[in-house]
N, C-alpha and C. Protein backbone atom coordinates (compact mmCIF):
# COMPACT_ATOMS: atom_id res chain seq x y z
N UNK A 1 110.99 178.46 112.09
CA UNK A 1 110.45 179.26 111.88
C UNK A 1 109.38 179.48 111.33
N UNK A 2 108.37 180.46 111.07
CA UNK A 2 107.44 180.79 110.63
C UNK A 2 108.01 181.61 109.13
N UNK A 3 106.94 181.92 108.29
CA UNK A 3 107.04 182.63 106.91
C UNK A 3 106.30 184.22 107.20
N UNK A 4 105.76 183.94 108.62
CA UNK A 4 105.51 185.52 108.59
C UNK A 4 105.76 186.04 109.60
N UNK A 5 107.06 187.43 109.98
CA UNK A 5 107.50 187.60 110.95
C UNK A 5 106.70 188.06 111.95
N UNK A 6 107.08 187.79 113.10
CA UNK A 6 106.25 187.82 114.44
C UNK A 6 104.57 187.34 114.67
N UNK A 7 105.24 186.07 114.06
CA UNK A 7 103.65 184.99 114.33
C UNK A 7 103.95 184.72 115.35
N UNK A 8 102.91 183.57 115.89
CA UNK A 8 103.19 182.29 117.48
C UNK A 8 104.45 181.81 117.24
N UNK A 9 104.49 181.74 115.81
CA UNK A 9 105.55 180.61 115.95
C UNK A 9 107.25 180.84 116.11
N UNK A 10 107.16 182.16 115.66
CA UNK A 10 108.56 182.72 116.42
C UNK A 10 108.89 183.34 117.87
N UNK A 11 108.15 182.88 118.51
CA UNK A 11 107.96 183.65 119.97
C UNK A 11 109.04 182.55 120.97
N UNK A 12 109.00 181.46 120.41
CA UNK A 12 109.44 181.03 121.40
C UNK A 12 111.12 181.03 121.91
N UNK A 13 112.14 181.31 120.66
CA UNK A 13 113.15 181.77 121.10
C UNK A 13 113.13 183.37 121.79
N UNK A 14 112.23 184.12 121.73
CA UNK A 14 111.60 185.45 121.94
C UNK A 14 111.60 185.04 123.31
N UNK A 15 110.82 184.51 123.92
CA UNK A 15 110.12 184.40 124.84
C UNK A 15 111.51 183.64 125.49
N UNK A 16 112.14 182.82 125.10
CA UNK A 16 112.68 181.58 126.17
C UNK A 16 114.33 183.06 126.54
N UNK A 17 114.36 183.78 125.67
CA UNK A 17 115.39 184.47 125.62
C UNK A 17 114.83 186.11 126.86
N UNK A 18 113.69 185.94 126.85
CA UNK A 18 113.51 187.28 127.75
C UNK A 18 113.49 186.74 129.39
N UNK A 19 113.15 185.17 128.94
CA UNK A 19 112.83 184.87 130.37
C UNK A 19 114.07 184.73 131.43
N UNK A 20 114.88 184.32 130.33
CA UNK A 20 116.25 183.63 131.04
C UNK A 20 116.95 185.26 131.33
N UNK A 21 117.24 186.26 130.96
CA UNK A 21 117.50 187.42 131.19
C UNK A 21 117.00 188.05 132.44
N UNK A 22 115.50 188.22 132.30
CA UNK A 22 114.93 188.68 133.50
C UNK A 22 114.85 187.31 134.47
N UNK A 23 115.20 186.32 134.18
CA UNK A 23 115.59 185.59 135.29
C UNK A 23 116.93 185.47 136.20
N UNK A 24 117.73 185.93 135.32
CA UNK A 24 119.01 186.62 135.41
C UNK A 24 119.31 187.72 136.58
N UNK A 25 118.16 188.61 136.11
CA UNK A 25 118.41 190.13 136.86
C UNK A 25 117.85 189.38 138.28
N UNK A 26 116.48 189.01 138.01
CA UNK A 26 116.11 188.35 139.53
C UNK A 26 116.61 187.95 140.79
N UNK A 27 117.02 186.70 139.97
CA UNK A 27 117.92 185.61 140.53
C UNK A 27 119.22 186.26 141.23
N UNK A 28 119.92 187.87 140.86
CA UNK A 28 120.63 188.08 141.73
C UNK A 28 120.00 188.63 142.83
N UNK A 29 118.79 189.63 142.45
CA UNK A 29 118.63 190.38 143.65
C UNK A 29 118.41 188.71 145.13
N UNK A 30 117.78 187.50 144.05
CA UNK A 30 117.26 186.44 145.11
C UNK A 30 118.69 185.45 145.86
N UNK A 31 119.38 185.76 145.13
CA UNK A 31 120.92 184.86 145.70
C UNK A 31 121.45 185.87 147.03
N UNK A 32 121.22 186.69 147.13
CA UNK A 32 121.67 187.57 148.23
C UNK A 32 120.49 186.95 149.28
N UNK A 33 119.52 186.48 149.11
CA UNK A 33 118.84 186.06 150.28
C UNK A 33 118.85 184.43 150.20
N UNK A 34 119.36 183.92 149.02
CA UNK A 34 119.71 182.50 149.34
C UNK A 34 118.47 181.64 148.93
N UNK A 35 117.82 182.66 147.74
CA UNK A 35 116.59 181.71 147.42
C UNK A 35 116.56 181.53 145.85
N UNK A 36 115.95 180.91 145.22
CA UNK A 36 116.36 180.34 143.85
C UNK A 36 114.93 180.99 143.35
N UNK A 37 115.22 180.98 141.66
CA UNK A 37 113.89 181.74 141.17
C UNK A 37 112.88 180.86 141.22
N UNK A 38 112.77 179.57 141.44
CA UNK A 38 111.42 178.59 141.93
C UNK A 38 110.74 178.64 143.22
N UNK A 39 111.74 179.14 144.54
CA UNK A 39 111.23 179.61 145.75
C UNK A 39 110.83 180.59 145.32
N UNK A 40 110.79 181.62 144.69
CA UNK A 40 110.12 182.55 144.81
C UNK A 40 108.85 182.76 144.13
N UNK A 41 108.84 181.78 142.86
CA UNK A 41 107.40 181.79 141.89
C UNK A 41 106.83 180.83 143.36
N UNK A 42 106.91 180.03 143.95
CA UNK A 42 106.39 179.54 145.01
C UNK A 42 105.80 181.01 145.89
N UNK A 43 106.69 181.61 146.17
CA UNK A 43 106.50 183.02 147.57
C UNK A 43 105.06 183.42 146.26
N UNK A 44 105.25 183.84 145.55
CA UNK A 44 104.65 184.92 144.76
C UNK A 44 102.93 183.97 144.51
N UNK A 45 103.05 182.95 144.30
CA UNK A 45 101.57 181.94 144.09
C UNK A 45 100.98 182.02 145.30
N UNK A 46 101.77 182.10 146.41
CA UNK A 46 101.47 182.00 147.54
C UNK A 46 100.91 183.04 148.71
N UNK A 47 101.55 184.27 148.04
CA UNK A 47 101.11 185.66 148.28
C UNK A 47 99.50 186.02 148.18
N UNK A 48 98.64 185.15 147.63
CA UNK A 48 97.56 185.85 147.47
C UNK A 48 96.72 185.52 148.93
N UNK A 49 97.19 184.58 149.67
CA UNK A 49 96.84 184.09 150.82
C UNK A 49 95.58 183.31 150.99
N UNK A 50 95.31 182.91 149.84
CA UNK A 50 94.52 181.38 149.43
C UNK A 50 95.00 179.98 149.75
N UNK A 51 95.96 180.14 149.89
CA UNK A 51 96.81 178.75 150.14
C UNK A 51 96.45 177.71 148.78
N UNK A 52 97.15 177.04 148.39
CA UNK A 52 96.84 176.34 147.04
C UNK A 52 97.33 175.00 147.24
N UNK A 53 96.75 174.13 146.45
CA UNK A 53 97.27 172.46 146.22
C UNK A 53 98.72 172.12 145.88
N UNK A 54 99.31 171.45 147.13
CA UNK A 54 100.92 170.93 146.21
C UNK A 54 101.15 171.47 144.78
N UNK A 55 100.07 170.26 144.25
CA UNK A 55 99.98 170.24 142.69
C UNK A 55 100.04 171.70 141.89
N UNK A 56 99.07 172.51 142.29
CA UNK A 56 99.03 173.58 142.01
C UNK A 56 100.37 173.99 141.83
N UNK A 57 100.66 174.38 143.40
CA UNK A 57 101.81 174.93 143.46
C UNK A 57 102.91 174.26 142.66
N UNK A 58 103.47 172.84 142.00
CA UNK A 58 104.39 172.51 141.31
C UNK A 58 103.94 173.63 139.92
N UNK A 59 102.69 173.18 139.82
CA UNK A 59 102.57 173.74 138.19
C UNK A 59 103.00 175.30 138.08
N UNK A 60 102.85 175.88 139.19
CA UNK A 60 103.12 177.28 138.81
C UNK A 60 104.88 177.60 138.73
N UNK A 61 105.28 176.55 139.97
CA UNK A 61 106.86 176.87 139.97
C UNK A 61 107.77 176.28 138.83
N UNK A 62 106.61 175.61 137.96
CA UNK A 62 107.85 174.69 136.69
C UNK A 62 108.30 173.28 137.26
N UNK A 63 108.11 172.54 138.06
CA UNK A 63 108.89 171.67 138.82
C UNK A 63 108.24 170.38 139.37
N UNK A 64 108.62 169.17 138.98
CA UNK A 64 108.31 167.96 139.41
C UNK A 64 107.72 167.82 140.69
N UNK A 65 106.72 167.31 141.18
CA UNK A 65 106.06 166.93 142.45
C UNK A 65 107.61 166.70 143.09
N UNK A 66 108.27 166.07 143.45
CA UNK A 66 109.33 165.54 144.41
C UNK A 66 110.25 166.89 144.39
N UNK A 67 110.71 167.40 143.42
CA UNK A 67 111.11 168.61 143.44
C UNK A 67 110.83 169.55 144.87
N UNK A 68 109.56 169.73 143.87
CA UNK A 68 109.13 170.87 144.73
C UNK A 68 108.41 170.65 146.49
N UNK A 69 108.21 169.57 146.50
CA UNK A 69 108.40 168.68 147.90
C UNK A 69 109.72 169.45 148.68
N UNK A 70 110.78 168.99 147.81
CA UNK A 70 112.12 169.53 148.69
C UNK A 70 112.21 170.84 149.19
N UNK A 71 111.66 171.50 147.80
CA UNK A 71 111.53 173.17 147.92
C UNK A 71 110.85 173.83 148.95
N UNK A 72 109.45 172.90 149.02
CA UNK A 72 108.63 173.57 150.50
C UNK A 72 109.17 173.12 151.79
N UNK A 73 109.79 171.95 151.63
CA UNK A 73 110.60 171.46 153.16
C UNK A 73 111.65 172.74 153.49
N UNK A 74 112.28 173.20 152.54
CA UNK A 74 113.74 174.21 152.31
C UNK A 74 112.90 175.08 153.04
N UNK A 75 111.88 175.70 152.51
CA UNK A 75 110.77 177.03 153.04
C UNK A 75 110.05 176.97 154.21
N UNK A 76 109.57 175.69 154.08
CA UNK A 76 108.95 175.24 155.70
C UNK A 76 110.35 175.57 156.73
N UNK A 77 111.28 175.11 156.67
CA UNK A 77 112.55 174.71 157.75
C UNK A 77 112.91 176.32 157.72
N UNK A 78 112.71 177.59 156.99
CA UNK A 78 113.30 178.64 156.95
C UNK A 78 111.80 179.84 157.46
N UNK A 79 110.96 178.99 158.03
CA UNK A 79 109.61 179.61 158.43
C UNK A 79 108.95 180.73 157.81
N UNK A 80 108.91 180.09 156.09
CA UNK A 80 108.53 180.98 154.81
C UNK A 80 107.07 180.47 154.89
N UNK A 81 107.00 179.14 154.51
CA UNK A 81 105.49 178.38 154.06
C UNK A 81 105.36 177.26 155.40
N UNK A 82 103.84 177.01 155.52
CA UNK A 82 103.75 175.93 155.83
C UNK A 82 102.48 175.22 155.35
N UNK A 83 102.48 174.12 155.31
CA UNK A 83 101.43 173.31 154.99
C UNK A 83 100.29 172.37 155.97
N UNK A 84 99.20 172.41 155.65
CA UNK A 84 98.04 171.91 156.42
C UNK A 84 97.10 171.16 154.97
N UNK A 85 96.63 170.14 155.74
CA UNK A 85 95.22 169.59 154.76
C UNK A 85 94.32 170.02 154.46
N UNK A 86 93.80 170.30 153.06
CA UNK A 86 93.32 170.69 152.62
C UNK A 86 91.42 170.62 153.39
N UNK A 87 90.95 171.63 153.82
CA UNK A 87 89.65 171.59 154.89
C UNK A 87 88.74 170.66 153.93
N UNK A 88 88.49 170.76 152.76
CA UNK A 88 87.49 170.37 151.72
C UNK A 88 87.63 168.96 151.31
N UNK A 89 88.94 168.53 151.32
CA UNK A 89 89.33 167.17 150.49
C UNK A 89 90.79 166.42 151.25
N UNK A 90 90.45 165.76 151.97
CA UNK A 90 91.63 166.11 153.01
C UNK A 90 92.59 165.01 152.86
N UNK A 91 92.60 164.51 151.25
CA UNK A 91 93.49 164.07 150.62
C UNK A 91 94.66 164.71 150.36
N UNK A 92 94.50 165.97 150.15
CA UNK A 92 95.12 166.87 149.43
C UNK A 92 95.71 168.02 150.43
N UNK A 93 96.72 168.58 150.32
CA UNK A 93 97.79 169.29 151.40
C UNK A 93 97.73 170.57 150.54
N UNK A 94 97.69 171.66 151.44
CA UNK A 94 97.75 173.21 150.77
C UNK A 94 99.39 174.11 151.55
N UNK A 95 99.54 174.59 150.85
CA UNK A 95 100.83 175.51 151.20
C UNK A 95 99.74 176.79 151.04
N UNK A 96 100.44 177.42 152.41
CA UNK A 96 100.52 179.09 152.62
C UNK A 96 101.59 179.74 153.08
N UNK A 97 101.47 181.06 153.34
CA UNK A 97 102.76 181.71 153.64
C UNK A 97 102.58 181.70 155.16
N UNK A 98 103.75 181.77 155.79
CA UNK A 98 103.59 182.40 157.39
C UNK A 98 103.62 183.69 157.32
N UNK A 99 103.69 184.48 158.45
CA UNK A 99 103.59 185.92 158.70
C UNK A 99 105.32 186.15 158.11
N UNK A 100 106.11 185.53 158.18
CA UNK A 100 107.40 185.83 157.82
C UNK A 100 107.14 186.05 156.75
N UNK A 101 106.54 184.72 155.88
CA UNK A 101 106.78 184.85 154.60
C UNK A 101 106.30 185.80 154.02
N UNK A 102 105.45 186.50 154.55
CA UNK A 102 104.34 187.44 153.63
C UNK A 102 105.66 188.87 153.70
N UNK A 103 105.98 188.56 155.11
CA UNK A 103 106.87 189.96 155.24
C UNK A 103 108.13 189.81 154.04
N UNK A 104 108.98 189.07 153.84
CA UNK A 104 110.15 188.22 153.37
C UNK A 104 109.48 188.85 152.07
N UNK A 105 108.26 188.10 151.46
CA UNK A 105 107.85 188.32 150.07
C UNK A 105 107.50 189.97 149.84
N UNK A 106 107.13 190.47 151.01
CA UNK A 106 106.87 191.93 150.44
C UNK A 106 108.38 192.82 150.24
N UNK A 107 109.13 192.43 151.07
CA UNK A 107 110.28 193.42 151.29
C UNK A 107 111.13 192.90 149.59
N UNK A 108 111.59 191.73 149.55
CA UNK A 108 111.79 190.99 148.13
C UNK A 108 110.97 191.84 146.71
N UNK A 109 109.69 191.79 147.02
CA UNK A 109 109.39 192.11 145.87
C UNK A 109 109.50 193.60 145.72
N UNK A 110 109.54 194.77 146.71
CA UNK A 110 110.17 195.87 146.75
C UNK A 110 111.64 195.69 146.07
N UNK A 111 112.43 195.07 146.41
CA UNK A 111 113.42 195.05 145.83
C UNK A 111 113.52 194.32 144.56
N UNK A 112 113.11 193.66 143.98
CA UNK A 112 112.89 193.20 142.86
C UNK A 112 112.42 194.98 142.07
N UNK A 113 111.30 194.75 142.53
CA UNK A 113 110.65 196.21 141.50
C UNK A 113 111.72 197.19 141.32
N UNK A 114 112.47 197.19 142.06
CA UNK A 114 113.52 198.56 142.48
C UNK A 114 114.78 197.99 141.38
N UNK A 115 114.77 196.54 141.25
CA UNK A 115 116.03 196.36 140.18
C UNK A 115 115.83 196.08 138.96
N UNK A 116 114.38 196.46 138.69
CA UNK A 116 113.34 196.22 137.06
C UNK A 116 113.14 197.51 136.90
N UNK A 117 113.41 198.46 137.59
CA UNK A 117 112.48 199.66 137.65
C UNK A 117 112.98 199.93 136.51
N UNK A 118 114.53 199.80 135.91
CA UNK A 118 114.72 200.91 134.41
C UNK A 118 114.31 199.87 133.48
N UNK A 119 113.46 198.67 132.90
CA UNK A 119 113.23 198.05 131.82
C UNK A 119 111.71 198.52 131.83
N UNK A 120 110.87 199.52 132.85
CA UNK A 120 109.74 199.94 132.67
C UNK A 120 109.14 200.89 131.66
N UNK A 121 108.43 200.11 130.60
CA UNK A 121 108.23 201.00 129.40
C UNK A 121 106.67 201.31 129.71
N UNK A 122 105.95 202.41 128.98
CA UNK A 122 104.66 202.60 128.63
C UNK A 122 104.00 201.30 127.97
N UNK A 123 104.86 200.51 127.21
CA UNK A 123 103.91 199.33 126.59
C UNK A 123 103.54 198.72 127.81
N UNK A 124 104.18 198.10 128.75
CA UNK A 124 104.30 196.73 130.18
C UNK A 124 102.95 196.60 129.82
N UNK A 125 101.94 197.35 130.25
CA UNK A 125 100.27 196.85 130.25
C UNK A 125 99.67 196.06 128.89
N UNK A 126 100.62 196.80 127.97
CA UNK A 126 99.74 195.89 126.86
C UNK A 126 100.90 194.55 126.21
N UNK A 127 102.37 194.44 126.81
CA UNK A 127 102.76 193.61 126.99
C UNK A 127 102.17 192.15 127.38
N UNK A 128 101.90 192.66 129.00
CA UNK A 128 101.24 191.71 130.23
C UNK A 128 100.01 191.54 129.41
N UNK A 129 99.14 191.77 128.87
CA UNK A 129 97.76 191.97 128.27
C UNK A 129 97.91 190.61 126.95
N UNK A 130 99.11 191.02 126.47
CA UNK A 130 99.15 190.00 125.05
C UNK A 130 99.85 188.60 125.50
N UNK A 131 100.28 188.99 126.77
CA UNK A 131 101.17 187.32 126.90
C UNK A 131 100.53 186.92 127.92
N UNK A 132 99.18 187.33 128.74
CA UNK A 132 98.01 186.79 129.26
C UNK A 132 97.21 185.96 128.15
N UNK A 133 97.08 186.61 127.20
CA UNK A 133 96.31 186.44 126.11
C UNK A 133 96.39 184.96 125.12
N UNK A 134 98.10 184.81 125.52
CA UNK A 134 98.71 183.95 124.20
C UNK A 134 99.13 182.65 125.75
N UNK A 135 98.95 182.94 126.84
CA UNK A 135 99.11 181.64 127.71
C UNK A 135 97.38 181.39 127.88
N UNK A 136 96.31 182.01 127.50
CA UNK A 136 94.98 181.38 127.92
C UNK A 136 94.58 180.92 126.55
N UNK A 137 95.32 180.94 125.65
CA UNK A 137 95.32 180.38 123.89
C UNK A 137 96.40 178.75 124.43
N UNK A 138 97.23 179.15 125.01
CA UNK A 138 97.85 178.06 124.87
C UNK A 138 97.65 176.94 125.82
N UNK A 139 96.97 177.05 126.94
CA UNK A 139 96.32 176.02 127.95
C UNK A 139 95.43 175.48 127.75
N UNK A 140 96.07 174.09 127.47
CA UNK A 140 94.63 173.43 127.48
C UNK A 140 93.68 173.26 128.14
N UNK A 141 92.43 173.19 127.13
CA UNK A 141 91.52 172.62 127.72
C UNK A 141 90.46 171.62 128.45
N UNK A 142 90.48 171.09 129.33
CA UNK A 142 89.95 169.98 129.50
C UNK A 142 89.16 169.31 129.00
N UNK A 143 89.49 168.59 128.26
CA UNK A 143 88.18 167.02 127.43
C UNK A 143 87.47 166.98 128.45
N UNK A 144 86.00 166.89 128.33
CA UNK A 144 85.17 166.36 129.24
C UNK A 144 84.87 164.68 129.34
N UNK A 145 84.72 164.25 130.38
CA UNK A 145 84.79 162.80 130.51
C UNK A 145 83.61 162.31 129.58
N UNK A 146 83.00 161.16 128.95
CA UNK A 146 82.06 161.22 128.87
C UNK A 146 80.95 160.11 129.92
N UNK A 147 80.01 160.72 129.89
CA UNK A 147 79.60 160.04 131.22
C UNK A 147 78.50 158.32 130.64
N UNK A 148 78.60 157.69 131.69
CA UNK A 148 77.92 156.48 130.87
C UNK A 148 76.61 156.39 130.62
N UNK A 149 76.01 155.83 129.55
CA UNK A 149 74.57 155.71 129.14
C UNK A 149 73.32 155.10 130.38
């Protein structure tokens, strides 16, 4: 722990505890649908209708590629997700929500928001902005590759 109360060094246990408690609440809603938190993360990412490379989906769901493949296979079997070859890079696969996946995401999102409504405070936008800033600061910047002379 840091000598300065509330410093970035003190955030890990607080964020970990908050994430676990929030995941438990959301997990209760998802369990009724036989979905995991990781599956929900995948559905939320794909809800932007853009389609995402599997490597990006793995990072967003915090899963290793092999585990993500099994999870996406299950979502494909449930007709929530489909995969296509990336039109710009044929070596990559992109994942998308199906129409059914979009409807399920909207329905579950409404249920989750209702479940968490009692947690909302006027400080939520500030907290979200602070967390976004923290994520931005913690995200490694790619190091430029040297170009040969």
